[in-house]
Amino acid sequence: MAYKITDACIACGSCEPECPVEAISAGDDKYVIDPEKCIECGACANVCPVDAPQPE
């Protein structure tokens, strides 16, 4: 089950460099995770200050 970034995202960018497979990119108003690349490691969730990345 891939992670998804919820609307709680504040676009701080802390998650993007933590992703080992580069599945995270900046969207229009929040960051987004490509579900095809996500390996469900949770690295993004571990660094997010608002718990925006959640398992889908």
N, C-alpha and C. Protein backbone atom coordinates (compact mmCIF):
# COMPACT_ATOMS: atom_id res chain seq x y z
N MET A 1 0.85 -1.17 0.00
CA MET A 1 0.00 0.00 0.00
C MET A 1 0.90 1.25 0.00
N ALA A 2 0.88 1.99 -1.07
CA ALA A 2 1.72 3.18 -1.19
C ALA A 2 1.27 4.28 -0.24
N TYR A 3 2.20 5.15 0.10
CA TYR A 3 1.86 6.31 0.92
C TYR A 3 1.25 7.39 0.04
N LYS A 4 0.43 8.22 0.66
CA LYS A 4 -0.17 9.36 -0.02
C LYS A 4 -0.03 10.56 0.91
N ILE A 5 0.21 11.72 0.33
CA ILE A 5 0.34 12.93 1.14
C ILE A 5 -1.03 13.60 1.24
N THR A 6 -1.49 13.77 2.46
CA THR A 6 -2.83 14.33 2.70
C THR A 6 -2.82 15.85 2.57
N ASP A 7 -3.99 16.44 2.69
CA ASP A 7 -4.15 17.89 2.61
C ASP A 7 -3.51 18.61 3.80
N ALA A 8 -3.06 17.86 4.79
CA ALA A 8 -2.38 18.48 5.94
C ALA A 8 -0.99 19.00 5.56
N CYS A 9 -0.51 18.61 4.38
CA CYS A 9 0.83 19.01 3.91
C CYS A 9 0.98 20.54 3.92
N ILE A 10 2.10 20.99 4.49
CA ILE A 10 2.39 22.43 4.52
C ILE A 10 3.47 22.80 3.50
N ALA A 11 3.80 21.88 2.62
CA ALA A 11 4.79 22.08 1.55
C ALA A 11 6.15 22.54 2.06
N CYS A 12 6.59 21.96 3.17
CA CYS A 12 7.88 22.34 3.74
C CYS A 12 9.05 21.70 3.00
N GLY A 13 8.79 20.57 2.33
CA GLY A 13 9.82 19.91 1.55
C GLY A 13 10.71 18.96 2.31
N SER A 14 10.44 18.73 3.57
CA SER A 14 11.30 17.85 4.36
C SER A 14 11.24 16.39 3.90
N CYS A 15 10.16 15.99 3.29
CA CYS A 15 9.99 14.60 2.88
C CYS A 15 10.74 14.24 1.60
N GLU A 16 10.82 15.18 0.67
CA GLU A 16 11.37 14.88 -0.65
C GLU A 16 12.78 14.30 -0.61
N PRO A 17 13.74 14.91 0.10
CA PRO A 17 15.09 14.34 0.10
C PRO A 17 15.21 13.02 0.85
N GLU A 18 14.23 12.68 1.67
CA GLU A 18 14.28 11.44 2.45
C GLU A 18 13.87 10.21 1.65
N CYS A 19 13.17 10.41 0.54
CA CYS A 19 12.66 9.27 -0.24
C CYS A 19 13.80 8.59 -1.00
N PRO A 20 14.05 7.31 -0.70
CA PRO A 20 15.17 6.60 -1.34
C PRO A 20 14.94 6.28 -2.82
N VAL A 21 13.69 6.36 -3.28
CA VAL A 21 13.40 6.04 -4.69
C VAL A 21 12.90 7.24 -5.47
N GLU A 22 13.05 8.43 -4.90
CA GLU A 22 12.66 9.69 -5.55
C GLU A 22 11.22 9.68 -6.05
N ALA A 23 10.31 9.18 -5.20
CA ALA A 23 8.89 9.11 -5.55
C ALA A 23 8.13 10.38 -5.19
N ILE A 24 8.77 11.29 -4.48
CA ILE A 24 8.09 12.50 -3.99
C ILE A 24 8.52 13.70 -4.82
N SER A 25 7.52 14.50 -5.21
CA SER A 25 7.82 15.73 -5.95
C SER A 25 6.85 16.82 -5.51
N ALA A 26 7.23 18.07 -5.81
CA ALA A 26 6.39 19.20 -5.45
C ALA A 26 5.20 19.26 -6.40
N GLY A 27 4.01 19.39 -5.81
CA GLY A 27 2.80 19.57 -6.60
C GLY A 27 2.41 21.04 -6.61
N ASP A 28 1.18 21.33 -6.99
CA ASP A 28 0.73 22.71 -7.05
C ASP A 28 0.67 23.37 -5.66
N ASP A 29 0.06 22.68 -4.69
CA ASP A 29 -0.07 23.27 -3.36
C ASP A 29 0.43 22.36 -2.24
N LYS A 30 0.87 21.16 -2.60
CA LYS A 30 1.44 20.23 -1.63
C LYS A 30 2.34 19.25 -2.38
N TYR A 31 3.10 18.49 -1.65
CA TYR A 31 3.94 17.47 -2.27
C TYR A 31 3.10 16.25 -2.63
N VAL A 32 3.55 15.50 -3.62
CA VAL A 32 2.82 14.32 -4.06
C VAL A 32 3.77 13.13 -4.14
N ILE A 33 3.21 11.94 -3.96
CA ILE A 33 3.98 10.70 -4.04
C ILE A 33 3.49 9.90 -5.22
N ASP A 34 4.41 9.48 -6.07
CA ASP A 34 4.08 8.62 -7.21
C ASP A 34 3.86 7.20 -6.68
N PRO A 35 2.63 6.70 -6.72
CA PRO A 35 2.36 5.37 -6.14
C PRO A 35 3.07 4.24 -6.88
N GLU A 36 3.46 4.47 -8.11
CA GLU A 36 4.19 3.45 -8.87
C GLU A 36 5.62 3.29 -8.39
N LYS A 37 6.19 4.36 -7.82
CA LYS A 37 7.57 4.33 -7.34
C LYS A 37 7.67 4.05 -5.85
N CYS A 38 6.63 4.39 -5.09
CA CYS A 38 6.66 4.27 -3.63
C CYS A 38 6.91 2.82 -3.20
N ILE A 39 7.89 2.64 -2.29
CA ILE A 39 8.19 1.30 -1.78
C ILE A 39 7.69 1.11 -0.35
N GLU A 40 6.87 2.05 0.11
CA GLU A 40 6.21 1.94 1.41
C GLU A 40 7.18 1.86 2.59
N CYS A 41 8.30 2.57 2.49
CA CYS A 41 9.30 2.49 3.55
C CYS A 41 8.98 3.37 4.75
N GLY A 42 8.17 4.42 4.53
CA GLY A 42 7.79 5.30 5.62
C GLY A 42 8.80 6.37 5.97
N ALA A 43 9.87 6.50 5.20
CA ALA A 43 10.90 7.51 5.49
C ALA A 43 10.29 8.92 5.45
N CYS A 44 9.37 9.16 4.55
CA CYS A 44 8.73 10.47 4.44
C CYS A 44 7.89 10.77 5.67
N ALA A 45 7.17 9.79 6.14
CA ALA A 45 6.31 9.97 7.31
C ALA A 45 7.13 10.24 8.57
N ASN A 46 8.32 9.66 8.64
CA ASN A 46 9.16 9.82 9.82
C ASN A 46 9.69 11.24 9.99
N VAL A 47 9.80 12.00 8.90
CA VAL A 47 10.35 13.36 9.00
C VAL A 47 9.30 14.46 8.88
N CYS A 48 8.08 14.13 8.55
CA CYS A 48 7.04 15.12 8.33
C CYS A 48 6.57 15.75 9.65
N PRO A 49 6.63 17.08 9.75
CA PRO A 49 6.22 17.72 11.00
C PRO A 49 4.71 17.73 11.23
N VAL A 50 3.91 17.45 10.20
CA VAL A 50 2.45 17.46 10.36
C VAL A 50 1.80 16.11 10.04
N ASP A 51 2.60 15.06 9.93
CA ASP A 51 2.10 13.71 9.65
C ASP A 51 1.25 13.63 8.38
N ALA A 52 1.64 14.37 7.34
CA ALA A 52 0.86 14.36 6.10
C ALA A 52 0.97 13.06 5.30
N PRO A 53 2.15 12.43 5.20
CA PRO A 53 2.21 11.16 4.46
C PRO A 53 1.55 10.05 5.27
N GLN A 54 0.59 9.41 4.66
CA GLN A 54 -0.14 8.32 5.32
C GLN A 54 -0.26 7.15 4.37
N PRO A 55 -0.30 5.92 4.90
CA PRO A 55 -0.53 4.77 4.01
C PRO A 55 -1.90 4.90 3.36
N GLU A 56 -1.94 4.60 2.07
CA GLU A 56 -3.20 4.75 1.35
C GLU A 56 -4.20 3.69 1.73
